[in-house]
Amino acid sequence: MALLEEHTVDVDVIEYLSTPLNRSQLLEILGMLDVEPAELVRKDRRFDELQLDAGSYVTADAVVDLLVAHPELMQRPIAVRDGRAVIGRPSELVLGLLD
């Protein structure tokens, strides 16, 4: 957020844990990302607690199904601008949307 404010870019923040994204919204974001669908999934402690297998979440449909059921597993932040999206880790990746 600070990086975008530094560049005077207006942003909308979606609190997706309190208002989870639906299937069509997630598919739309996946279509804007220039990475494999699996990159949208956090493979963290929660992923392990759920005893999930990363190999099962490589297609867009599988990733969306997982994130609808477990929105906390979505990588964050996601920045979207002019039909393009990036996963903002590291935060400098967001600068690519400012071109």
Protein backbone atom coordinates (compact mmCIF):
# COMPACT_ATOMS: atom_id res chain seq x y z
CA MET A 1 0.00 0.00 0.00
CA ALA A 2 2.75 2.44 0.95
CA LEU A 3 4.52 1.77 -2.33
CA LEU A 4 1.38 2.62 -4.32
CA GLU A 5 0.69 5.71 -2.23
CA GLU A 6 4.28 6.81 -2.89
CA HIS A 7 3.47 6.75 -6.61
CA THR A 8 0.12 8.49 -6.06
CA VAL A 9 -1.94 5.59 -7.34
CA ASP A 10 -5.50 5.24 -6.13
CA VAL A 11 -6.18 1.76 -4.81
CA ASP A 12 -9.22 -0.16 -3.73
CA VAL A 13 -8.61 -2.61 -0.91
CA ILE A 14 -10.68 -5.75 -0.87
CA GLU A 15 -10.82 -7.39 2.53
CA TYR A 16 -11.28 -10.82 1.03
CA LEU A 17 -11.28 -12.63 4.38
CA SER A 18 -14.36 -10.72 5.52
CA THR A 19 -15.88 -10.63 2.02
CA PRO A 20 -14.47 -13.68 0.18
CA LEU A 21 -14.15 -13.59 -3.59
CA ASN A 22 -16.52 -15.76 -5.54
CA ARG A 23 -15.64 -18.26 -8.25
CA SER A 24 -16.02 -15.84 -11.16
CA GLN A 25 -13.95 -13.15 -9.43
CA LEU A 26 -11.15 -15.62 -8.74
CA LEU A 27 -11.21 -16.89 -12.34
CA GLU A 28 -11.05 -13.30 -13.55
CA ILE A 29 -8.00 -12.59 -11.38
CA LEU A 30 -6.31 -15.78 -12.55
CA GLY A 31 -6.88 -14.68 -16.13
CA MET A 32 -5.12 -11.39 -15.44
CA LEU A 33 -2.10 -12.91 -13.69
CA ASP A 34 0.96 -13.80 -15.72
CA VAL A 35 1.78 -16.82 -13.54
CA GLU A 36 0.60 -20.39 -13.24
CA PRO A 37 -2.65 -20.79 -11.26
CA ALA A 38 -0.82 -22.66 -8.49
CA GLU A 39 1.12 -19.47 -7.67
CA LEU A 40 -2.06 -17.95 -6.24
CA VAL A 41 -2.09 -20.53 -3.44
CA ARG A 42 -0.12 -19.99 -0.24
CA LYS A 43 1.66 -23.21 0.70
CA ASP A 44 2.05 -22.28 4.34
CA ARG A 45 1.31 -23.81 7.74
CA ARG A 46 -2.46 -23.67 7.10
CA PHE A 47 -1.99 -25.54 3.80
CA ASP A 48 -0.08 -28.22 5.72
CA GLU A 49 -2.69 -28.31 8.52
CA LEU A 50 -5.33 -29.10 5.92
CA GLN A 51 -3.07 -31.93 4.68
CA LEU A 52 -3.26 -30.68 1.11
CA ASP A 53 -1.07 -31.85 -1.75
CA ALA A 54 0.33 -29.02 -3.89
CA GLY A 55 0.20 -31.27 -6.95
CA SER A 56 -3.59 -31.32 -6.69
CA TYR A 57 -3.84 -27.54 -7.13
CA VAL A 58 -2.27 -26.68 -10.46
CA THR A 59 -5.27 -26.03 -12.69
CA ALA A 60 -7.37 -22.88 -12.54
CA ASP A 61 -10.49 -24.85 -11.57
CA ALA A 62 -8.72 -26.70 -8.74
CA VAL A 63 -7.16 -23.49 -7.42
CA VAL A 64 -10.49 -21.65 -7.51
CA ASP A 65 -12.28 -24.50 -5.76
CA LEU A 66 -9.64 -24.46 -3.04
CA LEU A 67 -9.72 -20.68 -2.57
CA VAL A 68 -13.50 -20.55 -2.44
CA ALA A 69 -13.39 -23.13 0.35
CA HIS A 70 -10.30 -21.66 2.07
CA PRO A 71 -9.83 -17.97 1.16
CA GLU A 72 -7.05 -17.65 3.73
CA LEU A 73 -4.82 -19.66 1.36
CA MET A 74 -4.81 -16.95 -1.31
CA GLN A 75 -1.50 -15.19 -1.87
CA ARG A 76 -1.67 -11.56 -0.92
CA PRO A 77 -1.65 -8.83 -1.77
CA ILE A 78 -2.99 -9.01 -5.31
CA ALA A 79 -2.79 -5.79 -7.28
CA VAL A 80 -5.08 -5.29 -10.29
CA ARG A 81 -4.92 -2.47 -12.81
CA ASP A 82 -6.10 -2.05 -16.38
CA GLY A 83 -6.84 -5.73 -16.91
CA ARG A 84 -3.53 -6.94 -15.46
CA ALA A 85 -2.77 -8.38 -12.04
CA VAL A 86 0.30 -9.27 -10.02
CA ILE A 87 0.93 -10.99 -6.74
CA GLY A 88 2.59 -8.25 -4.71
CA ARG A 89 5.38 -10.32 -3.19
CA PRO A 90 7.87 -8.81 -3.27
CA SER A 91 6.05 -5.49 -3.23
CA GLU A 92 8.19 -4.10 -6.08
CA LEU A 93 6.31 -6.38 -8.50
CA VAL A 94 3.36 -4.00 -8.19
CA LEU A 95 5.41 -1.30 -9.93
CA GLY A 96 5.10 -3.31 -13.15
CA LEU A 97 1.42 -2.34 -13.25
CA LEU A 98 2.27 1.36 -13.28
CA ASP A 99 3.74 1.31 -16.80
